[in-house]
Amino acid sequence: MDSPLKKNDVAVVLRPIIEDGVEWDGSFQLLVNVAGPVDLDDDHMKSLLTVASYLAAAVPLMEESAKFTELLRDRAEQLVGTVLIGDNMVPLFTKDTKCEGGMQ
């Protein structure tokens, strides 16, 4: 999937922590990045960064609250959908899924 960041993009990045020769243990860094050049005014950029920080904050909250995780999972399944594979319902997202859009 080729989806380079464009100017003014704000991205929440999950970067897997992978050690050479060791199977990935599921750990990752969570980063909020801004792609330049930035020509949005300060208030608009702050709004985007606020939404990105809310998204990033969801990860530790998921670790703290099973109810929060359940609410997020349910909403994600409504927005994206799932498919039955064997006996498991899995999200339709794959490594090749490209998502665009969104409004604050």
PDB file of N, CA and C in Angstrom:
ATOM      1  N   MET A   1       0.850  -1.167   0.000  1.00  0.00           N
ATOM      2  CA  MET A   1       0.000   0.000   0.000  1.00  0.00           C
ATOM      3  C   MET A   1       0.893   1.226   0.000  1.00  0.00           C
ATOM      4  N   ASP A   2       0.693   2.084  -0.979  1.00  0.00           N
ATOM      5  CA  ASP A   2       1.476   3.307  -1.076  1.00  0.00           C
ATOM      6  C   ASP A   2       0.561   4.485  -0.767  1.00  0.00           C
ATOM      7  N   SER A   3       0.722   5.069   0.395  1.00  0.00           N
ATOM      8  CA  SER A   3      -0.112   6.190   0.800  1.00  0.00           C
ATOM      9  C   SER A   3       0.763   7.215   1.502  1.00  0.00           C
ATOM     10  N   PRO A   4       1.591   7.939   0.735  1.00  0.00           N
ATOM     11  CA  PRO A   4       2.501   8.890   1.373  1.00  0.00           C
ATOM     12  C   PRO A   4       1.737  10.017   2.059  1.00  0.00           C
ATOM     13  N   LEU A   5       2.321  10.509   3.135  1.00  0.00           N
ATOM     14  CA  LEU A   5       1.703  11.625   3.824  1.00  0.00           C
ATOM     15  C   LEU A   5       1.809  12.875   2.958  1.00  0.00           C
ATOM     16  N   LYS A   6       0.812  13.731   3.072  1.00  0.00           N
ATOM     17  CA  LYS A   6       0.764  14.984   2.328  1.00  0.00           C
ATOM     18  C   LYS A   6       0.907  16.140   3.305  1.00  0.00           C
ATOM     19  N   LYS A   7       1.141  17.327   2.772  1.00  0.00           N
ATOM     20  CA  LYS A   7       1.277  18.487   3.650  1.00  0.00           C
ATOM     21  C   LYS A   7       0.025  18.622   4.503  1.00  0.00           C
ATOM     22  N   ASN A   8       0.220  19.042   5.720  1.00  0.00           N
ATOM     23  CA  ASN A   8      -0.841  19.241   6.715  1.00  0.00           C
ATOM     24  C   ASN A   8      -1.409  17.948   7.286  1.00  0.00           C
ATOM     25  N   ASP A   9      -0.936  16.790   6.842  1.00  0.00           N
ATOM     26  CA  ASP A   9      -1.432  15.534   7.403  1.00  0.00           C
ATOM     27  C   ASP A   9      -0.994  15.393   8.855  1.00  0.00           C
ATOM     28  N   VAL A  10      -1.893  14.871   9.655  1.00  0.00           N
ATOM     29  CA  VAL A  10      -1.577  14.486  11.030  1.00  0.00           C
ATOM     30  C   VAL A  10      -1.852  12.993  11.110  1.00  0.00           C
ATOM     31  N   ALA A  11      -0.844  12.234  11.500  1.00  0.00           N
ATOM     32  CA  ALA A  11      -0.963  10.776  11.493  1.00  0.00           C
ATOM     33  C   ALA A  11      -0.728  10.210  12.881  1.00  0.00           C
ATOM     34  N   VAL A  12      -1.555   9.247  13.250  1.00  0.00           N
ATOM     35  CA  VAL A  12      -1.304   8.437  14.445  1.00  0.00           C
ATOM     36  C   VAL A  12      -0.662   7.161  13.933  1.00  0.00           C
ATOM     37  N   VAL A  13       0.573   6.917  14.357  1.00  0.00           N
ATOM     38  CA  VAL A  13       1.372   5.821  13.824  1.00  0.00           C
ATOM     39  C   VAL A  13       1.575   4.764  14.905  1.00  0.00           C
ATOM     40  N   LEU A  14       1.304   3.516  14.548  1.00  0.00           N
ATOM     41  CA  LEU A  14       1.658   2.382  15.410  1.00  0.00           C
ATOM     42  C   LEU A  14       2.902   1.760  14.794  1.00  0.00           C
ATOM     43  N   ARG A  15       4.038   1.930  15.461  1.00  0.00           N
ATOM     44  CA  ARG A  15       5.304   1.415  14.949  1.00  0.00           C
ATOM     45  C   ARG A  15       5.701   0.181  15.762  1.00  0.00           C
ATOM     46  N   PRO A  16       5.608  -1.013  15.154  1.00  0.00           N
ATOM     47  CA  PRO A  16       5.961  -2.228  15.903  1.00  0.00           C
ATOM     48  C   PRO A  16       7.420  -2.198  16.333  1.00  0.00           C
ATOM     49  N   ILE A  17       7.650  -2.631  17.554  1.00  0.00           N
ATOM     50  CA  ILE A  17       9.019  -2.758  18.061  1.00  0.00           C
ATOM     51  C   ILE A  17       9.461  -4.181  17.746  1.00  0.00           C
ATOM     52  N   ILE A  18      10.376  -4.291  16.795  1.00  0.00           N
ATOM     53  CA  ILE A  18      10.804  -5.601  16.306  1.00  0.00           C
ATOM     54  C   ILE A  18      12.305  -5.737  16.512  1.00  0.00           C
ATOM     55  N   GLU A  19      12.696  -6.789  17.198  1.00  0.00           N
ATOM     56  CA  GLU A  19      14.107  -7.075  17.396  1.00  0.00           C
ATOM     57  C   GLU A  19      14.544  -8.111  16.373  1.00  0.00           C
ATOM     58  N   ASP A  20      15.743  -7.930  15.830  1.00  0.00           N
ATOM     59  CA  ASP A  20      16.271  -8.876  14.840  1.00  0.00           C
ATOM     60  C   ASP A  20      16.302 -10.291  15.403  1.00  0.00           C
ATOM     61  N   GLY A  21      15.764 -11.216  14.647  1.00  0.00           N
ATOM     62  CA  GLY A  21      15.809 -12.623  15.016  1.00  0.00           C
ATOM     63  C   GLY A  21      14.851 -13.024  16.113  1.00  0.00           C
ATOM     64  N   VAL A  22      13.984 -12.113  16.549  1.00  0.00           N
ATOM     65  CA  VAL A  22      13.035 -12.408  17.623  1.00  0.00           C
ATOM     66  C   VAL A  22      11.626 -12.204  17.085  1.00  0.00           C
ATOM     67  N   GLU A  23      10.741 -13.150  17.380  1.00  0.00           N
ATOM     68  CA  GLU A  23       9.353 -13.009  16.946  1.00  0.00           C
ATOM     69  C   GLU A  23       8.728 -11.792  17.620  1.00  0.00           C
ATOM     70  N   TRP A  24       7.949 -11.024  16.858  1.00  0.00           N
ATOM     71  CA  TRP A  24       7.321  -9.817  17.384  1.00  0.00           C
ATOM     72  C   TRP A  24       6.397 -10.172  18.533  1.00  0.00           C
ATOM     73  N   ASP A  25       6.531  -9.461  19.652  1.00  0.00           N
ATOM     74  CA  ASP A  25       5.737  -9.760  20.850  1.00  0.00           C
ATOM     75  C   ASP A  25       4.470  -8.906  20.970  1.00  0.00           C
ATOM     76  N   GLY A  26       4.183  -8.094  19.956  1.00  0.00           N
ATOM     77  CA  GLY A  26       2.984  -7.267  19.964  1.00  0.00           C
ATOM     78  C   GLY A  26       3.206  -5.860  20.494  1.00  0.00           C
ATOM     79  N   SER A  27       4.412  -5.558  20.964  1.00  0.00           N
ATOM     80  CA  SER A  27       4.656  -4.220  21.490  1.00  0.00           C
ATOM     81  C   SER A  27       4.897  -3.231  20.351  1.00  0.00           C
ATOM     82  N   PHE A  28       4.534  -1.978  20.609  1.00  0.00           N
ATOM     83  CA  PHE A  28       4.693  -0.947  19.582  1.00  0.00           C
ATOM     84  C   PHE A  28       4.813   0.423  20.226  1.00  0.00           C
ATOM     85  N   GLN A  29       5.387   1.330  19.458  1.00  0.00           N
ATOM     86  CA  GLN A  29       5.397   2.735  19.837  1.00  0.00           C
ATOM     87  C   GLN A  29       4.163   3.375  19.234  1.00  0.00           C
ATOM     88  N   LEU A  30       3.610   4.356  19.929  1.00  0.00           N
ATOM     89  CA  LEU A  30       2.478   5.115  19.426  1.00  0.00           C
ATOM     90  C   LEU A  30       2.962   6.542  19.214  1.00  0.00           C
ATOM     91  N   LEU A  31       2.906   6.994  17.972  1.00  0.00           N
ATOM     92  CA  LEU A  31       3.436   8.304  17.614  1.00  0.00           C
ATOM     93  C   LEU A  31       2.357   9.159  16.969  1.00  0.00           C
ATOM     94  N   VAL A  32       2.411  10.451  17.221  1.00  0.00           N
ATOM     95  CA  VAL A  32       1.578  11.417  16.498  1.00  0.00           C
ATOM     96  C   VAL A  32       2.543  12.256  15.675  1.00  0.00           C
ATOM     97  N   ASN A  33       2.397  12.196  14.359  1.00  0.00           N
ATOM     98  CA  ASN A  33       3.296  12.896  13.445  1.00  0.00           C
ATOM     99  C   ASN A  33       2.538  13.907  12.608  1.00  0.00           C
ATOM    100  N   VAL A  34       3.224  14.993  12.280  1.00  0.00           N
ATOM    101  CA  VAL A  34       2.698  16.004  11.371  1.00  0.00           C
ATOM    102  C   VAL A  34       3.597  16.037  10.150  1.00  0.00           C
ATOM    103  N   ALA A  35       2.986  15.971   8.968  1.00  0.00           N
ATOM    104  CA  ALA A  35       3.752  16.044   7.718  1.00  0.00           C
ATOM    105  C   ALA A  35       3.732  17.492   7.239  1.00  0.00           C
ATOM    106  N   GLY A  36       4.896  17.979   6.881  1.00  0.00           N
ATOM    107  CA  GLY A  36       4.998  19.358   6.395  1.00  0.00           C
ATOM    108  C   GLY A  36       5.120  19.390   4.893  1.00  0.00           C
ATOM    109  N   PRO A  37       5.074  20.543   4.332  1.00  0.00           N
ATOM    110  CA  PRO A  37       4.940  21.803   5.057  1.00  0.00           C
ATOM    111  C   PRO A  37       3.519  21.979   5.600  1.00  0.00           C
ATOM    112  N   VAL A  38       3.422  22.754   6.665  1.00  0.00           N
ATOM    113  CA  VAL A  38       2.125  23.030   7.278  1.00  0.00           C
ATOM    114  C   VAL A  38       1.716  24.447   6.898  1.00  0.00           C
ATOM    115  N   ASP A  39       0.570  24.564   6.240  1.00  0.00           N
ATOM    116  CA  ASP A  39       0.070  25.894   5.917  1.00  0.00           C
ATOM    117  C   ASP A  39      -1.318  26.154   6.513  1.00  0.00           C
ATOM    118  N   LEU A  40      -1.788  25.230   7.358  1.00  0.00           N
ATOM    119  CA  LEU A  40      -3.019  25.493   8.113  1.00  0.00           C
ATOM    120  C   LEU A  40      -2.705  26.502   9.209  1.00  0.00           C
ATOM    121  N   ASP A  41      -3.714  27.256   9.598  1.00  0.00           N
ATOM    122  CA  ASP A  41      -3.460  28.185  10.705  1.00  0.00           C
ATOM    123  C   ASP A  41      -3.338  27.399  12.006  1.00  0.00           C
ATOM    124  N   ASP A  42      -2.818  28.067  13.022  1.00  0.00           N
ATOM    125  CA  ASP A  42      -2.543  27.398  14.301  1.00  0.00           C
ATOM    126  C   ASP A  42      -3.776  26.742  14.906  1.00  0.00           C
ATOM    127  N   ASP A  43      -4.920  27.418  14.854  1.00  0.00           N
ATOM    128  CA  ASP A  43      -6.134  26.852  15.458  1.00  0.00           C
ATOM    129  C   ASP A  43      -6.568  25.568  14.758  1.00  0.00           C
ATOM    130  N   HIS A  44      -6.495  25.548  13.434  1.00  0.00           N
ATOM    131  CA  HIS A  44      -6.883  24.334  12.707  1.00  0.00           C
ATOM    132  C   HIS A  44      -5.908  23.181  12.972  1.00  0.00           C
ATOM    133  N   MET A  45      -4.617  23.490  13.018  1.00  0.00           N
ATOM    134  CA  MET A  45      -3.636  22.438  13.312  1.00  0.00           C
ATOM    135  C   MET A  45      -3.818  21.927  14.734  1.00  0.00           C
ATOM    136  N   LYS A  46      -4.104  22.830  15.673  1.00  0.00           N
ATOM    137  CA  LYS A  46      -4.351  22.398  17.055  1.00  0.00           C
ATOM    138  C   LYS A  46      -5.571  21.476  17.125  1.00  0.00           C
ATOM    139  N   SER A  47      -6.601  21.769  16.321  1.00  0.00           N
ATOM    140  CA  SER A  47      -7.781  20.901  16.295  1.00  0.00           C
ATOM    141  C   SER A  47      -7.420  19.500  15.806  1.00  0.00           C
ATOM    142  N   LEU A  48      -6.642  19.426  14.736  1.00  0.00           N
ATOM    143  CA  LEU A  48      -6.217  18.116  14.220  1.00  0.00           C
ATOM    144  C   LEU A  48      -5.360  17.377  15.238  1.00  0.00           C
ATOM    145  N   LEU A  49      -4.433  18.086  15.865  1.00  0.00           N
ATOM    146  CA  LEU A  49      -3.567  17.449  16.864  1.00  0.00           C
ATOM    147  C   LEU A  49      -4.357  17.002  18.089  1.00  0.00           C
ATOM    148  N   THR A  50      -5.404  17.740  18.436  1.00  0.00           N
ATOM    149  CA  THR A  50      -6.254  17.332  19.557  1.00  0.00           C
ATOM    150  C   THR A  50      -6.950  16.017  19.248  1.00  0.00           C
ATOM    151  N   VAL A  51      -7.522  15.899  18.046  1.00  0.00           N
ATOM    152  CA  VAL A  51      -8.176  14.642  17.663  1.00  0.00           C
ATOM    153  C   VAL A  51      -7.157  13.501  17.661  1.00  0.00           C
ATOM    154  N   ALA A  52      -5.970  13.749  17.111  1.00  0.00           N
ATOM    155  CA  ALA A  52      -4.927  12.714  17.087  1.00  0.00           C
ATOM    156  C   ALA A  52      -4.536  12.303  18.499  1.00  0.00           C
ATOM    157  N   SER A  53      -4.456  13.265  19.415  1.00  0.00           N
ATOM    158  CA  SER A  53      -4.096  12.914  20.790  1.00  0.00           C
ATOM    159  C   SER A  53      -5.205  12.103  21.456  1.00  0.00           C
ATOM    160  N   TYR A  54      -6.467  12.380  21.120  1.00  0.00           N
ATOM    161  CA  TYR A  54      -7.567  11.564  21.640  1.00  0.00           C
ATOM    162  C   TYR A  54      -7.459  10.126  21.133  1.00  0.00           C
ATOM    163  N   LEU A  55      -7.152   9.983  19.840  1.00  0.00           N
ATOM    164  CA  LEU A  55      -6.973   8.640  19.276  1.00  0.00           C
ATOM    165  C   LEU A  55      -5.834   7.906  19.969  1.00  0.00           C
ATOM    166  N   ALA A  56      -4.719   8.612  20.177  1.00  0.00           N
ATOM    167  CA  ALA A  56      -3.571   7.995  20.841  1.00  0.00           C
ATOM    168  C   ALA A  56      -3.904   7.629  22.287  1.00  0.00           C
ATOM    169  N   ALA A  57      -4.678   8.458  22.956  1.00  0.00           N
ATOM    170  CA  ALA A  57      -5.046   8.193  24.348  1.00  0.00           C
ATOM    171  C   ALA A  57      -5.952   6.974  24.486  1.00  0.00           C
ATOM    172  N   ALA A  58      -6.615   6.590  23.400  1.00  0.00           N
ATOM    173  CA  ALA A  58      -7.504   5.431  23.464  1.00  0.00           C
ATOM    174  C   ALA A  58      -6.747   4.143  23.776  1.00  0.00           C
ATOM    175  N   VAL A  59      -5.495   4.041  23.338  1.00  0.00           N
ATOM    176  CA  VAL A  59      -4.746   2.791  23.531  1.00  0.00           C
ATOM    177  C   VAL A  59      -4.534   2.486  25.012  1.00  0.00           C
ATOM    178  N   PRO A  60      -3.979   3.404  25.815  1.00  0.00           N
ATOM    179  CA  PRO A  60      -3.839   3.059  27.232  1.00  0.00           C
ATOM    180  C   PRO A  60      -5.180   2.889  27.939  1.00  0.00           C
ATOM    181  N   LEU A  61      -6.210   3.617  27.498  1.00  0.00           N
ATOM    182  CA  LEU A  61      -7.529   3.421  28.097  1.00  0.00           C
ATOM    183  C   LEU A  61      -8.070   2.025  27.813  1.00  0.00           C
ATOM    184  N   MET A  62      -7.761   1.488  26.626  1.00  0.00           N
ATOM    185  CA  MET A  62      -8.190   0.121  26.311  1.00  0.00           C
ATOM    186  C   MET A  62      -7.552  -0.879  27.264  1.00  0.00           C
ATOM    187  N   GLU A  63      -6.312  -0.599  27.675  1.00  0.00           N
ATOM    188  CA  GLU A  63      -5.635  -1.488  28.614  1.00  0.00           C
ATOM    189  C   GLU A  63      -6.232  -1.391  30.010  1.00  0.00           C
ATOM    190  N   GLU A  64      -6.809  -0.225  30.328  1.00  0.00           N
ATOM    191  CA  GLU A  64      -7.351   0.005  31.663  1.00  0.00           C
ATOM    192  C   GLU A  64      -8.812  -0.396  31.807  1.00  0.00           C
ATOM    193  N   SER A  65      -9.559  -0.373  30.710  1.00  0.00           N
ATOM    194  CA  SER A  65     -11.006  -0.543  30.823  1.00  0.00           C
ATOM    195  C   SER A  65     -11.544  -1.493  29.755  1.00  0.00           C
ATOM    196  N   ALA A  66     -12.023  -2.639  30.211  1.00  0.00           N
ATOM    197  CA  ALA A  66     -12.629  -3.598  29.283  1.00  0.00           C
ATOM    198  C   ALA A  66     -13.887  -3.007  28.650  1.00  0.00           C
ATOM    199  N   LYS A  67     -14.622  -2.203  29.394  1.00  0.00           N
ATOM    200  CA  LYS A  67     -15.842  -1.588  28.864  1.00  0.00           C
ATOM    201  C   LYS A  67     -15.503  -0.611  27.736  1.00  0.00           C
ATOM    202  N   PHE A  68     -14.465   0.193  27.931  1.00  0.00           N
ATOM    203  CA  PHE A  68     -14.031   1.120  26.884  1.00  0.00           C
ATOM    204  C   PHE A  68     -13.608   0.348  25.637  1.00  0.00           C
ATOM    205  N   THR A  69     -12.854  -0.722  25.826  1.00  0.00           N
ATOM    206  CA  THR A  69     -12.418  -1.555  24.695  1.00  0.00           C
ATOM    207  C   THR A  69     -13.615  -2.128  23.958  1.00  0.00           C
ATOM    208  N   GLU A  70     -14.603  -2.597  24.707  1.00  0.00           N
ATOM    209  CA  GLU A  70     -15.810  -3.153  24.101  1.00  0.00           C
ATOM    210  C   GLU A  70     -16.558  -2.096  23.288  1.00  0.00           C
ATOM    211  N   LEU A  71     -16.679  -0.881  23.839  1.00  0.00           N
ATOM    212  CA  LEU A  71     -17.345   0.207  23.118  1.00  0.00           C
ATOM    213  C   LEU A  71     -16.614   0.542  21.823  1.00  0.00           C
ATOM    214  N   LEU A  72     -15.291   0.630  21.883  1.00  0.00           N
ATOM    215  CA  LEU A  72     -14.507   0.914  20.679  1.00  0.00           C
ATOM    216  C   LEU A  72     -14.645  -0.195  19.652  1.00  0.00           C
ATOM    217  N   ARG A  73     -14.547  -1.438  20.106  1.00  0.00           N
ATOM    218  CA  ARG A  73     -14.670  -2.572  19.185  1.00  0.00           C
ATOM    219  C   ARG A  73     -16.026  -2.570  18.496  1.00  0.00           C
ATOM    220  N   ASP A  74     -17.080  -2.341  19.272  1.00  0.00           N
ATOM    221  CA  ASP A  74     -18.423  -2.332  18.701  1.00  0.00           C
ATOM    222  C   ASP A  74     -18.573  -1.229  17.662  1.00  0.00           C
ATOM    223  N   ARG A  75     -18.045  -0.044  17.963  1.00  0.00           N
ATOM    224  CA  ARG A  75     -18.152   1.058  17.012  1.00  0.00           C
ATOM    225  C   ARG A  75     -17.316   0.781  15.758  1.00  0.00           C
ATOM    226  N   ALA A  76     -16.130   0.229  15.937  1.00  0.00           N
ATOM    227  CA  ALA A  76     -15.288  -0.093  14.781  1.00  0.00           C
ATOM    228  C   ALA A  76     -15.974  -1.114  13.884  1.00  0.00           C
ATOM    229  N   GLU A  77     -16.617  -2.091  14.477  1.00  0.00           N
ATOM    230  CA  GLU A  77     -17.322  -3.094  13.687  1.00  0.00           C
ATOM    231  C   GLU A  77     -18.502  -2.483  12.947  1.00  0.00           C
ATOM    232  N   GLN A  78     -19.170  -1.489  13.547  1.00  0.00           N
ATOM    233  CA  GLN A  78     -20.263  -0.792  12.858  1.00  0.00           C
ATOM    234  C   GLN A  78     -19.741  -0.007  11.664  1.00  0.00           C
ATOM    235  N   LEU A  79     -18.605   0.648  11.852  1.00  0.00           N
ATOM    236  CA  LEU A  79     -18.055   1.508  10.803  1.00  0.00           C
ATOM    237  C   LEU A  79     -17.377   0.722   9.698  1.00  0.00           C
ATOM    238  N   VAL A  80     -16.700  -0.346  10.072  1.00  0.00           N
ATOM    239  CA  VAL A  80     -15.876  -1.084   9.113  1.00  0.00           C
ATOM    240  C   VAL A  80     -16.504  -2.412   8.736  1.00  0.00           C
ATOM    241  N   GLY A  81     -17.078  -3.083   9.702  1.00  0.00           N
ATOM    242  CA  GLY A  81     -17.663  -4.386   9.437  1.00  0.00           C
ATOM    243  C   GLY A  81     -16.713  -5.519   9.764  1.00  0.00           C
ATOM    244  N   THR A  82     -17.268  -6.708   9.762  1.00  0.00           N
ATOM    245  CA  THR A  82     -16.489  -7.906  10.033  1.00  0.00           C
ATOM    246  C   THR A  82     -16.897  -8.982   9.036  1.00  0.00           C
ATOM    247  N   VAL A  83     -16.116 -10.021   9.015  1.00  0.00           N
ATOM    248  CA  VAL A  83     -16.411 -11.157   8.157  1.00  0.00           C
ATOM    249  C   VAL A  83     -16.145 -12.426   8.967  1.00  0.00           C
ATOM    250  N   LEU A  84     -16.928 -13.453   8.719  1.00  0.00           N
ATOM    251  CA  LEU A  84     -16.754 -14.722   9.419  1.00  0.00           C
ATOM    252  C   LEU A  84     -15.684 -15.537   8.707  1.00  0.00           C
ATOM    253  N   ILE A  85     -14.622 -15.858   9.439  1.00  0.00           N
ATOM    254  CA  ILE A  85     -13.564 -16.730   8.926  1.00  0.00           C
ATOM    255  C   ILE A  85     -13.462 -17.899   9.897  1.00  0.00           C
ATOM    256  N   GLY A  86     -13.825 -19.065   9.426  1.00  0.00           N
ATOM    257  CA  GLY A  86     -13.890 -20.212  10.325  1.00  0.00           C
ATOM    258  C   GLY A  86     -14.952 -19.946  11.370  1.00  0.00           C
ATOM    259  N   ASP A  87     -14.559 -20.016  12.634  1.00  0.00           N
ATOM    260  CA  ASP A  87     -15.486 -19.738  13.732  1.00  0.00           C
ATOM    261  C   ASP A  87     -15.311 -18.329  14.290  1.00  0.00           C
ATOM    262  N   ASN A  88     -14.482 -17.503  13.640  1.00  0.00           N
ATOM    263  CA  ASN A  88     -14.150 -16.196  14.186  1.00  0.00           C
ATOM    264  C   ASN A  88     -14.659 -15.058  13.309  1.00  0.00           C
ATOM    265  N   MET A  89     -15.195 -14.032  13.969  1.00  0.00           N
ATOM    266  CA  MET A  89     -15.542 -12.793  13.282  1.00  0.00           C
ATOM    267  C   MET A  89     -14.313 -11.902  13.339  1.00  0.00           C
ATOM    268  N   VAL A  90     -13.809 -11.501  12.192  1.00  0.00           N
ATOM    269  CA  VAL A  90     -12.612 -10.661  12.152  1.00  0.00           C
ATOM    270  C   VAL A  90     -12.915  -9.390  11.371  1.00  0.00           C
ATOM    271  N   PRO A  91     -12.229  -8.282  11.729  1.00  0.00           N
ATOM    272  CA  PRO A  91     -12.456  -7.028  11.006  1.00  0.00           C
ATOM    273  C   PRO A  91     -12.068  -7.158   9.544  1.00  0.00           C
ATOM    274  N   LEU A  92     -12.709  -6.345   8.707  1.00  0.00           N
ATOM    275  CA  LEU A  92     -12.400  -6.353   7.292  1.00  0.00           C
ATOM    276  C   LEU A  92     -11.081  -5.659   6.961  1.00  0.00           C
ATOM    277  N   PHE A  93     -10.494  -4.960   7.930  1.00  0.00           N
ATOM    278  CA  PHE A  93      -9.195  -4.346   7.685  1.00  0.00           C
ATOM    279  C   PHE A  93      -8.157  -5.426   7.425  1.00  0.00           C
ATOM    280  N   THR A  94      -7.311  -5.185   6.460  1.00  0.00           N
ATOM    281  CA  THR A  94      -6.145  -6.032   6.224  1.00  0.00           C
ATOM    282  C   THR A  94      -4.947  -5.118   6.070  1.00  0.00           C
ATOM    283  N   LYS A  95      -3.782  -5.697   5.863  1.00  0.00           N
ATOM    284  CA  LYS A  95      -2.581  -4.885   5.668  1.00  0.00           C
ATOM    285  C   LYS A  95      -2.679  -4.042   4.405  1.00  0.00           C
ATOM    286  N   ASP A  96      -3.584  -4.367   3.517  1.00  0.00           N
ATOM    287  CA  ASP A  96      -3.726  -3.631   2.265  1.00  0.00           C
ATOM    288  C   ASP A  96      -4.919  -2.670   2.245  1.00  0.00           C
ATOM    289  N   THR A  97      -5.657  -2.568   3.354  1.00  0.00           N
ATOM    290  CA  THR A  97      -6.820  -1.698   3.396  1.00  0.00           C
ATOM    291  C   THR A  97      -6.389  -0.243   3.374  1.00  0.00           C
ATOM    292  N   LYS A  98      -7.029   0.553   2.538  1.00  0.00           N
ATOM    293  CA  LYS A  98      -6.768   1.983   2.495  1.00  0.00           C
ATOM    294  C   LYS A  98      -8.051   2.700   2.930  1.00  0.00           C
ATOM    295  N   CYS A  99      -7.950   3.549   3.932  1.00  0.00           N
ATOM    296  CA  CYS A  99      -9.093   4.276   4.462  1.00  0.00           C
ATOM    297  C   CYS A  99      -8.866   5.764   4.266  1.00  0.00           C
ATOM    298  N   GLU A 100      -9.895   6.441   3.847  1.00  0.00           N
ATOM    299  CA  GLU A 100      -9.813   7.894   3.685  1.00  0.00           C
ATOM    300  C   GLU A 100     -11.085   8.515   4.223  1.00  0.00           C
ATOM    301  N   GLY A 101     -10.976   9.770   4.601  1.00  0.00           N
ATOM    302  CA  GLY A 101     -12.152  10.511   5.023  1.00  0.00           C
ATOM    303  C   GLY A 101     -12.130  10.838   6.497  1.00  0.00           C
ATOM    304  N   GLY A 102     -13.198  11.424   6.944  1.00  0.00           N
ATOM    305  CA  GLY A 102     -13.338  11.781   8.346  1.00  0.00           C
ATOM    306  C   GLY A 102     -13.575  13.259   8.506  1.00  0.00           C
ATOM    307  N   MET A 103     -14.392  13.606   9.464  1.00  0.00           N
ATOM    308  CA  MET A 103     -14.696  14.999   9.775  1.00  0.00           C
ATOM    309  C   MET A 103     -14.661  15.161  11.271  1.00  0.00           C
ATOM    310  N   GLN A 104     -14.272  16.349  11.697  1.00  0.00           N
ATOM    311  CA  GLN A 104     -14.321  16.639  13.123  1.00  0.00           C
ATOM    312  C   GLN A 104     -15.587  17.388  13.376  1.00  0.00           C
TER     313      GLN A 104
END
